[in-house]
Amino acid sequence: MAQTVYVSITGLRIRRPWHLPVFWRHAMAAMAQAKNADGCLDAAARTIDGVHHTRTVWRDRQAMQAYLSTGAHLKAMKIFNRVATGKTFGFETESIPDWNDVHRLWHDRGRHVT
């Protein structure tokens, strides 16, 4: 049997072009944190149709939740509503979705971040 992992997908749209520097500063710091977080098996980002996506793969949901509430990611969440809109989707799976599936899952099943 294959190993079950937790996949978290985010997709964010920048509110205004002048928000990009703040967005990228926080996004890069949060991605660096994710790549070094306990339980993170993979962390990647890609822009698809103007949506800035992340796909992170975790040992389990608890590891992902521990990452969410600390460090650079917590700081990014505090400024999120000022600079972007977006949706997230997380799920357990035995296979990691490719980028086409990431965008489709985000579009079809993502829930708005508030």
N, C-alpha and C. Protein backbone atom coordinates (compact mmCIF):
# COMPACT_ATOMS: atom_id res chain seq x y z
N MET A 1 0.83 -1.18 0.00
CA MET A 1 0.00 0.00 0.00
C MET A 1 0.88 1.25 0.00
N ALA A 2 0.49 2.25 -0.77
CA ALA A 2 1.24 3.50 -0.85
C ALA A 2 1.03 4.32 0.42
N GLN A 3 1.98 5.20 0.69
CA GLN A 3 1.91 6.06 1.86
C GLN A 3 0.90 7.19 1.62
N THR A 4 0.06 7.44 2.61
CA THR A 4 -0.87 8.56 2.54
C THR A 4 -0.16 9.81 3.04
N VAL A 5 -0.31 10.90 2.29
CA VAL A 5 0.26 12.19 2.65
C VAL A 5 -0.84 13.24 2.65
N TYR A 6 -0.54 14.40 3.20
CA TYR A 6 -1.48 15.51 3.17
C TYR A 6 -0.96 16.55 2.19
N VAL A 7 -1.79 16.91 1.23
CA VAL A 7 -1.43 17.92 0.23
C VAL A 7 -2.23 19.18 0.50
N SER A 8 -1.53 20.30 0.51
CA SER A 8 -2.16 21.60 0.68
C SER A 8 -1.92 22.43 -0.58
N ILE A 9 -2.99 22.96 -1.14
CA ILE A 9 -2.92 23.78 -2.34
C ILE A 9 -3.44 25.17 -1.99
N THR A 10 -2.70 26.19 -2.39
CA THR A 10 -3.20 27.55 -2.27
C THR A 10 -3.13 28.20 -3.64
N GLY A 11 -3.98 29.17 -3.84
CA GLY A 11 -3.95 29.97 -5.05
C GLY A 11 -4.35 31.39 -4.70
N LEU A 12 -3.47 32.33 -4.99
CA LEU A 12 -3.70 33.72 -4.60
C LEU A 12 -3.61 34.63 -5.81
N ARG A 13 -4.47 35.62 -5.84
CA ARG A 13 -4.42 36.68 -6.85
C ARG A 13 -4.09 37.98 -6.12
N ILE A 14 -3.16 38.72 -6.69
CA ILE A 14 -2.75 40.00 -6.11
C ILE A 14 -3.83 41.03 -6.40
N ARG A 15 -4.18 41.82 -5.36
CA ARG A 15 -5.23 42.83 -5.52
C ARG A 15 -4.83 43.94 -6.49
N ARG A 16 -3.63 44.46 -6.35
CA ARG A 16 -3.15 45.58 -7.16
C ARG A 16 -1.68 45.33 -7.51
N PRO A 17 -1.23 45.79 -8.67
CA PRO A 17 0.17 45.55 -9.06
C PRO A 17 1.18 46.05 -8.02
N TRP A 18 0.89 47.13 -7.35
CA TRP A 18 1.84 47.67 -6.38
C TRP A 18 1.94 46.82 -5.11
N HIS A 19 1.07 45.82 -4.97
CA HIS A 19 1.17 44.90 -3.84
C HIS A 19 2.20 43.79 -4.08
N LEU A 20 2.66 43.65 -5.32
CA LEU A 20 3.58 42.55 -5.64
C LEU A 20 4.84 42.52 -4.78
N PRO A 21 5.53 43.62 -4.54
CA PRO A 21 6.75 43.51 -3.71
C PRO A 21 6.48 42.96 -2.31
N VAL A 22 5.41 43.42 -1.67
CA VAL A 22 5.07 42.91 -0.33
C VAL A 22 4.68 41.44 -0.42
N PHE A 23 3.88 41.10 -1.42
CA PHE A 23 3.47 39.72 -1.60
C PHE A 23 4.69 38.81 -1.76
N TRP A 24 5.60 39.15 -2.68
CA TRP A 24 6.75 38.29 -2.94
C TRP A 24 7.67 38.17 -1.73
N ARG A 25 7.85 39.26 -1.00
CA ARG A 25 8.71 39.19 0.19
C ARG A 25 8.15 38.17 1.17
N HIS A 26 6.85 38.23 1.43
CA HIS A 26 6.24 37.29 2.38
C HIS A 26 6.15 35.88 1.79
N ALA A 27 5.83 35.77 0.50
CA ALA A 27 5.70 34.46 -0.12
C ALA A 27 7.02 33.71 -0.12
N MET A 28 8.10 34.40 -0.43
CA MET A 28 9.40 33.73 -0.47
C MET A 28 9.84 33.29 0.93
N ALA A 29 9.58 34.11 1.92
CA ALA A 29 9.94 33.73 3.29
C ALA A 29 9.10 32.55 3.77
N ALA A 30 7.81 32.55 3.45
CA ALA A 30 6.94 31.44 3.85
C ALA A 30 7.33 30.15 3.14
N MET A 31 7.72 30.25 1.86
CA MET A 31 8.15 29.05 1.13
C MET A 31 9.45 28.50 1.71
N ALA A 32 10.37 29.38 2.05
CA ALA A 32 11.62 28.91 2.68
C ALA A 32 11.32 28.22 4.00
N GLN A 33 10.40 28.78 4.77
CA GLN A 33 10.01 28.15 6.03
C GLN A 33 9.40 26.78 5.78
N ALA A 34 8.51 26.68 4.78
CA ALA A 34 7.85 25.40 4.48
C ALA A 34 8.89 24.34 4.11
N LYS A 35 9.83 24.71 3.27
CA LYS A 35 10.83 23.74 2.81
C LYS A 35 11.67 23.18 3.96
N ASN A 36 11.78 23.94 5.04
CA ASN A 36 12.56 23.49 6.19
C ASN A 36 11.69 23.00 7.36
N ALA A 37 10.39 23.02 7.19
CA ALA A 37 9.48 22.66 8.28
C ALA A 37 9.49 21.15 8.54
N ASP A 38 9.37 20.80 9.80
CA ASP A 38 9.26 19.40 10.18
C ASP A 38 8.02 18.80 9.53
N GLY A 39 8.19 17.69 8.84
CA GLY A 39 7.06 17.00 8.23
C GLY A 39 6.76 17.43 6.80
N CYS A 40 7.45 18.44 6.28
CA CYS A 40 7.23 18.86 4.89
C CYS A 40 8.06 17.95 3.98
N LEU A 41 7.39 17.28 3.06
CA LEU A 41 8.04 16.37 2.14
C LEU A 41 8.37 17.03 0.80
N ASP A 42 7.60 18.08 0.45
CA ASP A 42 7.84 18.82 -0.79
C ASP A 42 7.11 20.15 -0.71
N ALA A 43 7.71 21.18 -1.28
CA ALA A 43 7.08 22.50 -1.35
C ALA A 43 7.48 23.14 -2.67
N ALA A 44 6.48 23.57 -3.43
CA ALA A 44 6.75 24.16 -4.74
C ALA A 44 5.71 25.24 -5.03
N ALA A 45 6.05 26.11 -5.97
CA ALA A 45 5.15 27.20 -6.35
C ALA A 45 5.19 27.38 -7.85
N ARG A 46 4.09 27.87 -8.38
CA ARG A 46 3.99 28.14 -9.81
C ARG A 46 2.83 29.10 -10.03
N THR A 47 2.97 29.97 -11.04
CA THR A 47 1.89 30.87 -11.42
C THR A 47 1.19 30.29 -12.65
N ILE A 48 -0.12 30.11 -12.54
CA ILE A 48 -0.93 29.56 -13.62
C ILE A 48 -2.11 30.50 -13.85
N ASP A 49 -2.24 31.01 -15.05
CA ASP A 49 -3.33 31.92 -15.41
C ASP A 49 -3.45 33.09 -14.43
N GLY A 50 -2.32 33.64 -14.02
CA GLY A 50 -2.32 34.79 -13.13
C GLY A 50 -2.56 34.46 -11.67
N VAL A 51 -2.69 33.18 -11.33
CA VAL A 51 -2.90 32.75 -9.95
C VAL A 51 -1.58 32.19 -9.42
N HIS A 52 -1.14 32.72 -8.27
CA HIS A 52 0.10 32.27 -7.64
C HIS A 52 -0.22 31.08 -6.73
N HIS A 53 0.17 29.89 -7.20
CA HIS A 53 -0.15 28.65 -6.50
C HIS A 53 1.03 28.14 -5.68
N THR A 54 0.71 27.50 -4.58
CA THR A 54 1.66 26.66 -3.87
C THR A 54 1.07 25.27 -3.75
N ARG A 55 1.96 24.28 -3.77
CA ARG A 55 1.58 22.89 -3.51
C ARG A 55 2.59 22.37 -2.51
N THR A 56 2.12 22.10 -1.31
CA THR A 56 2.99 21.52 -0.31
C THR A 56 2.49 20.12 0.05
N VAL A 57 3.44 19.25 0.32
CA VAL A 57 3.13 17.85 0.65
C VAL A 57 3.70 17.60 2.04
N TRP A 58 2.85 17.08 2.90
CA TRP A 58 3.19 16.91 4.31
C TRP A 58 3.04 15.47 4.75
N ARG A 59 3.78 15.13 5.76
CA ARG A 59 3.68 13.80 6.38
C ARG A 59 2.23 13.55 6.83
N ASP A 60 1.61 14.59 7.39
CA ASP A 60 0.22 14.51 7.83
C ASP A 60 -0.33 15.92 8.03
N ARG A 61 -1.62 16.00 8.27
CA ARG A 61 -2.27 17.30 8.43
C ARG A 61 -1.74 18.07 9.64
N GLN A 62 -1.40 17.37 10.70
CA GLN A 62 -0.88 18.02 11.91
C GLN A 62 0.43 18.75 11.63
N ALA A 63 1.30 18.16 10.82
CA ALA A 63 2.56 18.83 10.47
C ALA A 63 2.28 20.12 9.70
N MET A 64 1.33 20.07 8.77
CA MET A 64 0.98 21.26 8.01
C MET A 64 0.40 22.34 8.93
N GLN A 65 -0.45 21.96 9.85
CA GLN A 65 -1.06 22.93 10.76
C GLN A 65 -0.02 23.56 11.69
N ALA A 66 0.97 22.81 12.09
CA ALA A 66 2.04 23.38 12.93
C ALA A 66 2.79 24.46 12.16
N TYR A 67 3.03 24.24 10.89
CA TYR A 67 3.70 25.23 10.04
C TYR A 67 2.85 26.50 9.89
N LEU A 68 1.55 26.34 9.70
CA LEU A 68 0.66 27.47 9.45
C LEU A 68 0.72 28.55 10.53
N SER A 69 0.90 28.16 11.75
CA SER A 69 0.71 29.09 12.87
C SER A 69 2.00 29.65 13.44
N THR A 70 3.09 29.61 12.65
CA THR A 70 4.36 30.10 13.16
C THR A 70 5.13 30.87 12.09
N GLY A 71 6.10 31.61 12.53
CA GLY A 71 7.12 32.20 11.67
C GLY A 71 6.63 33.04 10.51
N ALA A 72 7.32 32.89 9.38
CA ALA A 72 7.05 33.69 8.18
C ALA A 72 5.63 33.47 7.66
N HIS A 73 5.13 32.25 7.76
CA HIS A 73 3.77 32.01 7.27
C HIS A 73 2.75 32.79 8.09
N LEU A 74 2.90 32.81 9.39
CA LEU A 74 1.99 33.57 10.23
C LEU A 74 2.04 35.05 9.88
N LYS A 75 3.23 35.59 9.65
CA LYS A 75 3.37 36.99 9.25
C LYS A 75 2.68 37.24 7.91
N ALA A 76 2.83 36.32 6.98
CA ALA A 76 2.18 36.46 5.67
C ALA A 76 0.66 36.47 5.80
N MET A 77 0.14 35.61 6.66
CA MET A 77 -1.31 35.56 6.86
C MET A 77 -1.84 36.87 7.43
N LYS A 78 -1.05 37.54 8.22
CA LYS A 78 -1.50 38.80 8.83
C LYS A 78 -1.67 39.92 7.80
N ILE A 79 -0.96 39.87 6.68
CA ILE A 79 -1.08 40.92 5.67
C ILE A 79 -1.88 40.46 4.45
N PHE A 80 -2.26 39.20 4.42
CA PHE A 80 -2.91 38.60 3.26
C PHE A 80 -4.09 39.41 2.73
N ASN A 81 -5.05 39.73 3.59
CA ASN A 81 -6.27 40.40 3.12
C ASN A 81 -6.01 41.77 2.51
N ARG A 82 -4.91 42.41 2.88
CA ARG A 82 -4.58 43.71 2.30
C ARG A 82 -4.04 43.59 0.89
N VAL A 83 -3.38 42.49 0.57
CA VAL A 83 -2.67 42.41 -0.71
C VAL A 83 -3.20 41.37 -1.69
N ALA A 84 -4.04 40.44 -1.25
CA ALA A 84 -4.45 39.35 -2.14
C ALA A 84 -5.83 38.81 -1.79
N THR A 85 -6.35 38.03 -2.70
CA THR A 85 -7.53 37.21 -2.47
C THR A 85 -7.13 35.79 -2.82
N GLY A 86 -7.86 34.81 -2.32
CA GLY A 86 -7.46 33.46 -2.67
C GLY A 86 -8.30 32.38 -2.06
N LYS A 87 -7.93 31.16 -2.43
CA LYS A 87 -8.60 29.96 -1.94
C LYS A 87 -7.55 28.92 -1.57
N THR A 88 -7.94 28.01 -0.72
CA THR A 88 -7.08 26.90 -0.33
C THR A 88 -7.86 25.59 -0.43
N PHE A 89 -7.13 24.51 -0.56
CA PHE A 89 -7.73 23.18 -0.54
C PHE A 89 -6.69 22.21 -0.02
N GLY A 90 -7.06 21.44 0.97
CA GLY A 90 -6.17 20.43 1.53
C GLY A 90 -6.86 19.08 1.58
N PHE A 91 -6.07 18.01 1.38
CA PHE A 91 -6.66 16.69 1.33
C PHE A 91 -5.59 15.61 1.52
N GLU A 92 -6.03 14.46 1.98
CA GLU A 92 -5.15 13.29 2.09
C GLU A 92 -5.20 12.53 0.78
N THR A 93 -4.05 12.01 0.39
CA THR A 93 -3.97 11.29 -0.88
C THR A 93 -2.77 10.35 -0.87
N GLU A 94 -2.76 9.44 -1.81
CA GLU A 94 -1.61 8.56 -2.01
C GLU A 94 -0.80 8.98 -3.22
N SER A 95 -1.28 10.00 -3.96
CA SER A 95 -0.53 10.46 -5.13
C SER A 95 -0.53 12.00 -5.15
N ILE A 96 0.59 12.57 -5.52
CA ILE A 96 0.74 14.02 -5.53
C ILE A 96 0.19 14.55 -6.85
N PRO A 97 -0.71 15.53 -6.80
CA PRO A 97 -1.29 16.05 -8.04
C PRO A 97 -0.26 16.83 -8.86
N ASP A 98 -0.36 16.71 -10.20
CA ASP A 98 0.50 17.53 -11.06
C ASP A 98 -0.09 18.95 -11.10
N TRP A 99 0.62 19.86 -11.78
CA TRP A 99 0.20 21.26 -11.75
C TRP A 99 -1.13 21.51 -12.44
N ASN A 100 -1.46 20.74 -13.46
CA ASN A 100 -2.79 20.88 -14.07
C ASN A 100 -3.87 20.51 -13.06
N ASP A 101 -3.64 19.43 -12.32
CA ASP A 101 -4.60 19.02 -11.30
C ASP A 101 -4.65 20.02 -10.14
N VAL A 102 -3.50 20.59 -9.79
CA VAL A 102 -3.47 21.59 -8.72
C VAL A 102 -4.42 22.74 -9.06
N HIS A 103 -4.28 23.29 -10.25
CA HIS A 103 -5.12 24.43 -10.64
C HIS A 103 -6.59 24.03 -10.71
N ARG A 104 -6.88 22.86 -11.26
CA ARG A 104 -8.27 22.39 -11.35
C ARG A 104 -8.88 22.17 -9.97
N LEU A 105 -8.15 21.49 -9.08
CA LEU A 105 -8.65 21.26 -7.72
C LEU A 105 -8.88 22.58 -6.99
N TRP A 106 -7.93 23.50 -7.14
CA TRP A 106 -8.07 24.82 -6.51
C TRP A 106 -9.33 25.51 -7.02
N HIS A 107 -9.52 25.49 -8.33
CA HIS A 107 -10.68 26.16 -8.93
C HIS A 107 -11.99 25.51 -8.50
N ASP A 108 -12.05 24.18 -8.54
CA ASP A 108 -13.30 23.45 -8.30
C ASP A 108 -13.61 23.22 -6.82
N ARG A 109 -12.59 23.04 -5.99
CA ARG A 109 -12.85 22.62 -4.61
C ARG A 109 -12.29 23.55 -3.54
N GLY A 110 -11.53 24.55 -3.97
CA GLY A 110 -10.93 25.47 -3.01
C GLY A 110 -11.98 26.27 -2.25
N ARG A 111 -11.64 26.62 -1.02
CA ARG A 111 -12.53 27.49 -0.24
C ARG A 111 -11.83 28.82 -0.01
N HIS A 112 -12.62 29.87 -0.05
CA HIS A 112 -12.06 31.21 0.07
C HIS A 112 -11.41 31.44 1.42
N VAL A 113 -10.28 32.09 1.39
CA VAL A 113 -9.53 32.44 2.60
C VAL A 113 -10.08 33.77 3.11
N THR A 114 -10.30 33.85 4.40
CA THR A 114 -10.79 35.12 4.98
C THR A 114 -9.83 35.64 6.01
